[in-house]
Amino acid sequence: MFTVYWINQTKQLKEQHGSYETFEQAMQSIRDWWKENDYQPRYYRVIEHGQSFMIDYGLYDCFYEIQFEPTEEK
C-alpha cells in the first residue's frame, strides 16, 4: 500500500489523503486533487527516501509524502 499525506511544516500539519495499491495511483490522486481544485504547480519533483517519497511542488513549507507500507500476505 502507498499512503498519501499532505504536510505543512509551518503549521505542523500532516493530513492523510488516502491509500492506494500502486505508487502511480497515489501520484494520480495528487494530480487529480490539483485538477479538481484548479491548482497548477509550476513544477513537481519526486525525491525518494527509502520507503517513502517526497513530492516537492514548489512551496516553501508544504509537500506531499507517499509512504510505502508493505502488506502481509496470507
PDB file of N, CA and C in Angstrom:
ATOM      1  N   MET A   1       0.835  -1.187   0.000  1.00  0.00           N
ATOM      2  CA  MET A   1       0.000   0.000   0.000  1.00  0.00           C
ATOM      3  C   MET A   1       0.875   1.245   0.000  1.00  0.00           C
ATOM      4  N   PHE A   2       0.370   2.277  -0.664  1.00  0.00           N
ATOM      5  CA  PHE A   2       1.031   3.568  -0.709  1.00  0.00           C
ATOM      6  C   PHE A   2       0.060   4.594  -0.119  1.00  0.00           C
ATOM      7  N   THR A   3       0.447   5.201   0.992  1.00  0.00           N
ATOM      8  CA  THR A   3      -0.409   6.169   1.667  1.00  0.00           C
ATOM      9  C   THR A   3       0.097   7.576   1.388  1.00  0.00           C
ATOM     10  N   VAL A   4      -0.829   8.464   1.013  1.00  0.00           N
ATOM     11  CA  VAL A   4      -0.502   9.841   0.655  1.00  0.00           C
ATOM     12  C   VAL A   4      -0.817  10.749   1.835  1.00  0.00           C
ATOM     13  N   TYR A   5       0.163  11.588   2.184  1.00  0.00           N
ATOM     14  CA  TYR A   5      -0.004  12.603   3.222  1.00  0.00           C
ATOM     15  C   TYR A   5       0.336  13.966   2.638  1.00  0.00           C
ATOM     16  N   TRP A   6      -0.399  14.979   3.076  1.00  0.00           N
ATOM     17  CA  TRP A   6      -0.040  16.367   2.763  1.00  0.00           C
ATOM     18  C   TRP A   6       0.535  16.950   4.029  1.00  0.00           C
ATOM     19  N   ILE A   7       1.691  17.584   3.920  1.00  0.00           N
ATOM     20  CA  ILE A   7       2.391  18.086   5.097  1.00  0.00           C
ATOM     21  C   ILE A   7       2.619  19.585   4.955  1.00  0.00           C
ATOM     22  N   ASN A   8       2.255  20.315   6.010  1.00  0.00           N
ATOM     23  CA  ASN A   8       2.539  21.744   6.133  1.00  0.00           C
ATOM     24  C   ASN A   8       3.449  21.890   7.341  1.00  0.00           C
ATOM     25  N   GLN A   9       4.727  22.138   7.086  1.00  0.00           N
ATOM     26  CA  GLN A   9       5.696  22.196   8.170  1.00  0.00           C
ATOM     27  C   GLN A   9       5.478  23.391   9.087  1.00  0.00           C
ATOM     28  N   THR A  10       5.089  24.531   8.554  1.00  0.00           N
ATOM     29  CA  THR A  10       4.894  25.730   9.364  1.00  0.00           C
ATOM     30  C   THR A  10       3.804  25.520  10.400  1.00  0.00           C
ATOM     31  N   LYS A  11       2.707  24.908   9.980  1.00  0.00           N
ATOM     32  CA  LYS A  11       1.578  24.683  10.887  1.00  0.00           C
ATOM     33  C   LYS A  11       1.650  23.325  11.584  1.00  0.00           C
ATOM     34  N   GLN A  12       2.688  22.565  11.311  1.00  0.00           N
ATOM     35  CA  GLN A  12       2.885  21.231  11.871  1.00  0.00           C
ATOM     36  C   GLN A  12       1.666  20.329  11.634  1.00  0.00           C
ATOM     37  N   LEU A  13       1.196  20.329  10.383  1.00  0.00           N
ATOM     38  CA  LEU A  13       0.065  19.503   9.982  1.00  0.00           C
ATOM     39  C   LEU A  13       0.542  18.340   9.122  1.00  0.00           C
ATOM     40  N   LYS A  14      -0.067  17.193   9.331  1.00  0.00           N
ATOM     41  CA  LYS A  14       0.163  16.030   8.477  1.00  0.00           C
ATOM     42  C   LYS A  14      -1.191  15.374   8.285  1.00  0.00           C
ATOM     43  N   GLU A  15      -1.775  15.580   7.095  1.00  0.00           N
ATOM     44  CA  GLU A  15      -3.118  15.080   6.807  1.00  0.00           C
ATOM     45  C   GLU A  15      -3.048  13.911   5.832  1.00  0.00           C
ATOM     46  N   GLN A  16      -3.692  12.816   6.194  1.00  0.00           N
ATOM     47  CA  GLN A  16      -3.741  11.659   5.301  1.00  0.00           C
ATOM     48  C   GLN A  16      -4.786  11.896   4.222  1.00  0.00           C
ATOM     49  N   HIS A  17      -4.414  11.618   2.976  1.00  0.00           N
ATOM     50  CA  HIS A  17      -5.324  11.827   1.856  1.00  0.00           C
ATOM     51  C   HIS A  17      -5.823  10.543   1.232  1.00  0.00           C
ATOM     52  N   GLY A  18      -5.275   9.409   1.626  1.00  0.00           N
ATOM     53  CA  GLY A  18      -5.767   8.145   1.088  1.00  0.00           C
ATOM     54  C   GLY A  18      -4.666   7.120   0.932  1.00  0.00           C
ATOM     55  N   SER A  19      -5.084   5.883   0.691  1.00  0.00           N
ATOM     56  CA  SER A  19      -4.147   4.785   0.462  1.00  0.00           C
ATOM     57  C   SER A  19      -4.486   4.119  -0.865  1.00  0.00           C
ATOM     58  N   TYR A  20      -3.449   3.668  -1.567  1.00  0.00           N
ATOM     59  CA  TYR A  20      -3.608   3.148  -2.917  1.00  0.00           C
ATOM     60  C   TYR A  20      -2.743   1.912  -3.105  1.00  0.00           C
ATOM     61  N   GLU A  21      -3.139   1.088  -4.036  1.00  0.00           N
ATOM     62  CA  GLU A  21      -2.423  -0.159  -4.315  1.00  0.00           C
ATOM     63  C   GLU A  21      -1.058   0.088  -4.959  1.00  0.00           C
ATOM     64  N   THR A  22      -0.948   1.114  -5.816  1.00  0.00           N
ATOM     65  CA  THR A  22       0.300   1.362  -6.534  1.00  0.00           C
ATOM     66  C   THR A  22       0.777   2.798  -6.328  1.00  0.00           C
ATOM     67  N   PHE A  23       2.065   2.987  -6.567  1.00  0.00           N
ATOM     68  CA  PHE A  23       2.640   4.328  -6.485  1.00  0.00           C
ATOM     69  C   PHE A  23       1.981   5.248  -7.508  1.00  0.00           C
ATOM     70  N   GLU A  24       1.761   4.743  -8.714  1.00  0.00           N
ATOM     71  CA  GLU A  24       1.150   5.574  -9.769  1.00  0.00           C
ATOM     72  C   GLU A  24      -0.247   6.030  -9.371  1.00  0.00           C
ATOM     73  N   GLN A  25      -1.038   5.165  -8.735  1.00  0.00           N
ATOM     74  CA  GLN A  25      -2.365   5.575  -8.264  1.00  0.00           C
ATOM     75  C   GLN A  25      -2.250   6.670  -7.209  1.00  0.00           C
ATOM     76  N   ALA A  26      -1.259   6.544  -6.331  1.00  0.00           N
ATOM     77  CA  ALA A  26      -1.038   7.565  -5.303  1.00  0.00           C
ATOM     78  C   ALA A  26      -0.675   8.903  -5.951  1.00  0.00           C
ATOM     79  N   MET A  27       0.230   8.867  -6.924  1.00  0.00           N
ATOM     80  CA  MET A  27       0.603  10.100  -7.642  1.00  0.00           C
ATOM     81  C   MET A  27      -0.594  10.688  -8.377  1.00  0.00           C
ATOM     82  N   GLN A  28      -1.390   9.824  -9.003  1.00  0.00           N
ATOM     83  CA  GLN A  28      -2.556  10.303  -9.745  1.00  0.00           C
ATOM     84  C   GLN A  28      -3.553  10.978  -8.807  1.00  0.00           C
ATOM     85  N   SER A  29      -3.666  10.495  -7.574  1.00  0.00           N
ATOM     86  CA  SER A  29      -4.582  11.125  -6.614  1.00  0.00           C
ATOM     87  C   SER A  29      -4.160  12.570  -6.322  1.00  0.00           C
ATOM     88  N   ILE A  30      -2.864  12.809  -6.280  1.00  0.00           N
ATOM     89  CA  ILE A  30      -2.358  14.173  -6.068  1.00  0.00           C
ATOM     90  C   ILE A  30      -2.676  15.028  -7.286  1.00  0.00           C
ATOM     91  N   ARG A  31      -2.391  14.520  -8.482  1.00  0.00           N
ATOM     92  CA  ARG A  31      -2.670  15.281  -9.713  1.00  0.00           C
ATOM     93  C   ARG A  31      -4.168  15.539  -9.864  1.00  0.00           C
ATOM     94  N   ASP A  32      -4.992  14.561  -9.482  1.00  0.00           N
ATOM     95  CA  ASP A  32      -6.448  14.749  -9.543  1.00  0.00           C
ATOM     96  C   ASP A  32      -6.901  15.852  -8.586  1.00  0.00           C
ATOM     97  N   TRP A  33      -6.336  15.872  -7.382  1.00  0.00           N
ATOM     98  CA  TRP A  33      -6.697  16.915  -6.413  1.00  0.00           C
ATOM     99  C   TRP A  33      -6.336  18.284  -6.966  1.00  0.00           C
ATOM    100  N   TRP A  34      -5.138  18.402  -7.562  1.00  0.00           N
ATOM    101  CA  TRP A  34      -4.724  19.669  -8.160  1.00  0.00           C
ATOM    102  C   TRP A  34      -5.715  20.097  -9.239  1.00  0.00           C
ATOM    103  N   LYS A  35      -6.108  19.144 -10.096  1.00  0.00           N
ATOM    104  CA  LYS A  35      -7.036  19.461 -11.179  1.00  0.00           C
ATOM    105  C   LYS A  35      -8.403  19.880 -10.634  1.00  0.00           C
ATOM    106  N   GLU A  36      -8.930  19.125  -9.669  1.00  0.00           N
ATOM    107  CA  GLU A  36     -10.247  19.439  -9.093  1.00  0.00           C
ATOM    108  C   GLU A  36     -10.269  20.799  -8.403  1.00  0.00           C
ATOM    109  N   ASN A  37      -9.123  21.230  -7.894  1.00  0.00           N
ATOM    110  CA  ASN A  37      -9.033  22.498  -7.167  1.00  0.00           C
ATOM    111  C   ASN A  37      -8.381  23.594  -7.998  1.00  0.00           C
ATOM    112  N   ASP A  38      -8.302  23.357  -9.309  1.00  0.00           N
ATOM    113  CA  ASP A  38      -7.777  24.334 -10.257  1.00  0.00           C
ATOM    114  C   ASP A  38      -6.407  24.867  -9.833  1.00  0.00           C
ATOM    115  N   TYR A  39      -5.549  23.949  -9.400  1.00  0.00           N
ATOM    116  CA  TYR A  39      -4.197  24.313  -8.980  1.00  0.00           C
ATOM    117  C   TYR A  39      -3.202  23.753  -9.983  1.00  0.00           C
ATOM    118  N   GLN A  40      -2.285  24.592 -10.417  1.00  0.00           N
ATOM    119  CA  GLN A  40      -1.277  24.167 -11.378  1.00  0.00           C
ATOM    120  C   GLN A  40       0.106  24.520 -10.843  1.00  0.00           C
ATOM    121  N   PRO A  41       0.795  23.534 -10.256  1.00  0.00           N
ATOM    122  CA  PRO A  41       2.144  23.826  -9.775  1.00  0.00           C
ATOM    123  C   PRO A  41       3.068  24.131 -10.953  1.00  0.00           C
ATOM    124  N   ARG A  42       4.021  25.003 -10.722  1.00  0.00           N
ATOM    125  CA  ARG A  42       4.977  25.324 -11.784  1.00  0.00           C
ATOM    126  C   ARG A  42       5.795  24.099 -12.161  1.00  0.00           C
ATOM    127  N   TYR A  43       6.030  23.258 -11.171  1.00  0.00           N
ATOM    128  CA  TYR A  43       6.769  22.014 -11.379  1.00  0.00           C
ATOM    129  C   TYR A  43       6.468  21.102 -10.200  1.00  0.00           C
ATOM    130  N   TYR A  44       6.832  19.858 -10.332  1.00  0.00           N
ATOM    131  CA  TYR A  44       6.910  18.991  -9.167  1.00  0.00           C
ATOM    132  C   TYR A  44       8.010  17.979  -9.411  1.00  0.00           C
ATOM    133  N   ARG A  45       8.593  17.521  -8.321  1.00  0.00           N
ATOM    134  CA  ARG A  45       9.639  16.506  -8.422  1.00  0.00           C
ATOM    135  C   ARG A  45       9.448  15.496  -7.306  1.00  0.00           C
ATOM    136  N   VAL A  46       9.845  14.276  -7.590  1.00  0.00           N
ATOM    137  CA  VAL A  46       9.708  13.171  -6.642  1.00  0.00           C
ATOM    138  C   VAL A  46      11.102  12.847  -6.111  1.00  0.00           C
ATOM    139  N   ILE A  47      11.229  12.874  -4.778  1.00  0.00           N
ATOM    140  CA  ILE A  47      12.500  12.585  -4.127  1.00  0.00           C
ATOM    141  C   ILE A  47      12.308  11.338  -3.272  1.00  0.00           C
ATOM    142  N   GLU A  48      13.088  10.314  -3.551  1.00  0.00           N
ATOM    143  CA  GLU A  48      12.946   9.048  -2.834  1.00  0.00           C
ATOM    144  C   GLU A  48      13.758   9.075  -1.546  1.00  0.00           C
ATOM    145  N   HIS A  49      13.131   8.601  -0.450  1.00  0.00           N
ATOM    146  CA  HIS A  49      13.779   8.484   0.858  1.00  0.00           C
ATOM    147  C   HIS A  49      13.480   7.102   1.417  1.00  0.00           C
ATOM    148  N   GLY A  50      14.189   6.083   0.980  1.00  0.00           N
ATOM    149  CA  GLY A  50      13.969   4.725   1.476  1.00  0.00           C
ATOM    150  C   GLY A  50      12.578   4.226   1.125  1.00  0.00           C
ATOM    151  N   GLN A  51      11.714   4.065   2.141  1.00  0.00           N
ATOM    152  CA  GLN A  51      10.357   3.546   1.946  1.00  0.00           C
ATOM    153  C   GLN A  51       9.336   4.655   1.697  1.00  0.00           C
ATOM    154  N   SER A  52       9.788   5.898   1.547  1.00  0.00           N
ATOM    155  CA  SER A  52       8.839   6.982   1.294  1.00  0.00           C
ATOM    156  C   SER A  52       9.361   7.890   0.179  1.00  0.00           C
ATOM    157  N   PHE A  53       8.441   8.695  -0.333  1.00  0.00           N
ATOM    158  CA  PHE A  53       8.751   9.618  -1.424  1.00  0.00           C
ATOM    159  C   PHE A  53       8.213  10.988  -1.052  1.00  0.00           C
ATOM    160  N   MET A  54       9.026  12.009  -1.243  1.00  0.00           N
ATOM    161  CA  MET A  54       8.578  13.379  -1.020  1.00  0.00           C
ATOM    162  C   MET A  54       8.239  13.983  -2.375  1.00  0.00           C
ATOM    163  N   ILE A  55       7.065  14.624  -2.454  1.00  0.00           N
ATOM    164  CA  ILE A  55       6.651  15.297  -3.679  1.00  0.00           C
ATOM    165  C   ILE A  55       6.777  16.796  -3.427  1.00  0.00           C
ATOM    166  N   ASP A  56       7.846  17.377  -3.956  1.00  0.00           N
ATOM    167  CA  ASP A  56       8.103  18.812  -3.835  1.00  0.00           C
ATOM    168  C   ASP A  56       7.401  19.477  -5.009  1.00  0.00           C
ATOM    169  N   TYR A  57       6.499  20.412  -4.709  1.00  0.00           N
ATOM    170  CA  TYR A  57       5.798  21.094  -5.797  1.00  0.00           C
ATOM    171  C   TYR A  57       5.952  22.603  -5.721  1.00  0.00           C
ATOM    172  N   GLY A  58       7.079  23.050  -5.170  1.00  0.00           N
ATOM    173  CA  GLY A  58       7.467  24.440  -5.257  1.00  0.00           C
ATOM    174  C   GLY A  58       7.036  25.355  -4.128  1.00  0.00           C
ATOM    175  N   LEU A  59       6.370  24.817  -3.112  1.00  0.00           N
ATOM    176  CA  LEU A  59       6.002  25.649  -1.972  1.00  0.00           C
ATOM    177  C   LEU A  59       7.067  25.504  -0.888  1.00  0.00           C
ATOM    178  N   TYR A  60       7.295  26.572  -0.192  1.00  0.00           N
ATOM    179  CA  TYR A  60       8.363  26.604   0.808  1.00  0.00           C
ATOM    180  C   TYR A  60       8.130  25.616   1.950  1.00  0.00           C
ATOM    181  N   ASP A  61       6.906  25.547   2.450  1.00  0.00           N
ATOM    182  CA  ASP A  61       6.657  24.782   3.667  1.00  0.00           C
ATOM    183  C   ASP A  61       5.663  23.633   3.507  1.00  0.00           C
ATOM    184  N   CYS A  62       5.232  23.353   2.297  1.00  0.00           N
ATOM    185  CA  CYS A  62       4.257  22.283   2.078  1.00  0.00           C
ATOM    186  C   CYS A  62       4.789  21.291   1.047  1.00  0.00           C
ATOM    187  N   PHE A  63       4.474  20.029   1.267  1.00  0.00           N
ATOM    188  CA  PHE A  63       4.822  18.989   0.309  1.00  0.00           C
ATOM    189  C   PHE A  63       3.934  17.781   0.577  1.00  0.00           C
ATOM    190  N   TYR A  64       3.969  16.845  -0.336  1.00  0.00           N
ATOM    191  CA  TYR A  64       3.285  15.572  -0.145  1.00  0.00           C
ATOM    192  C   TYR A  64       4.324  14.524   0.218  1.00  0.00           C
ATOM    193  N   GLU A  65       3.878  13.536   0.972  1.00  0.00           N
ATOM    194  CA  GLU A  65       4.713  12.377   1.257  1.00  0.00           C
ATOM    195  C   GLU A  65       3.894  11.141   0.913  1.00  0.00           C
ATOM    196  N   ILE A  66       4.529  10.236   0.189  1.00  0.00           N
ATOM    197  CA  ILE A  66       3.899   8.960  -0.118  1.00  0.00           C
ATOM    198  C   ILE A  66       4.725   7.898   0.595  1.00  0.00           C
ATOM    199  N   GLN A  67       4.088   7.212   1.529  1.00  0.00           N
ATOM    200  CA  GLN A  67       4.782   6.187   2.299  1.00  0.00           C
ATOM    201  C   GLN A  67       4.386   4.803   1.795  1.00  0.00           C
ATOM    202  N   PHE A  68       5.390   3.985   1.543  1.00  0.00           N
ATOM    203  CA  PHE A  68       5.143   2.598   1.169  1.00  0.00           C
ATOM    204  C   PHE A  68       4.981   1.794   2.445  1.00  0.00           C
ATOM    205  N   GLU A  69       3.879   1.087   2.539  1.00  0.00           N
ATOM    206  CA  GLU A  69       3.588   0.261   3.710  1.00  0.00           C
ATOM    207  C   GLU A  69       3.329  -1.163   3.233  1.00  0.00           C
ATOM    208  N   PRO A  70       4.313  -2.048   3.438  1.00  0.00           N
ATOM    209  CA  PRO A  70       4.137  -3.436   2.972  1.00  0.00           C
ATOM    210  C   PRO A  70       2.932  -4.079   3.649  1.00  0.00           C
ATOM    211  N   THR A  71       2.218  -4.865   2.895  1.00  0.00           N
ATOM    212  CA  THR A  71       1.069  -5.580   3.461  1.00  0.00           C
ATOM    213  C   THR A  71       1.460  -7.035   3.663  1.00  0.00           C
ATOM    214  N   GLU A  72       0.921  -7.618   4.685  1.00  0.00           N
ATOM    215  CA  GLU A  72       1.199  -9.021   4.959  1.00  0.00           C
ATOM    216  C   GLU A  72       0.367  -9.909   4.048  1.00  0.00           C
ATOM    217  N   GLU A  73       1.010 -10.876   3.437  1.00  0.00           N
ATOM    218  CA  GLU A  73       0.286 -11.827   2.594  1.00  0.00           C
ATOM    219  C   GLU A  73      -0.200 -12.984   3.457  1.00  0.00           C
ATOM    220  N   LYS A  74      -1.414 -13.437   3.169  1.00  0.00           N
ATOM    221  CA  LYS A  74      -1.990 -14.542   3.956  1.00  0.00           C
ATOM    222  C   LYS A  74      -1.900 -15.828   3.200  1.00  0.00           C
TER     223      LYS A  74
END
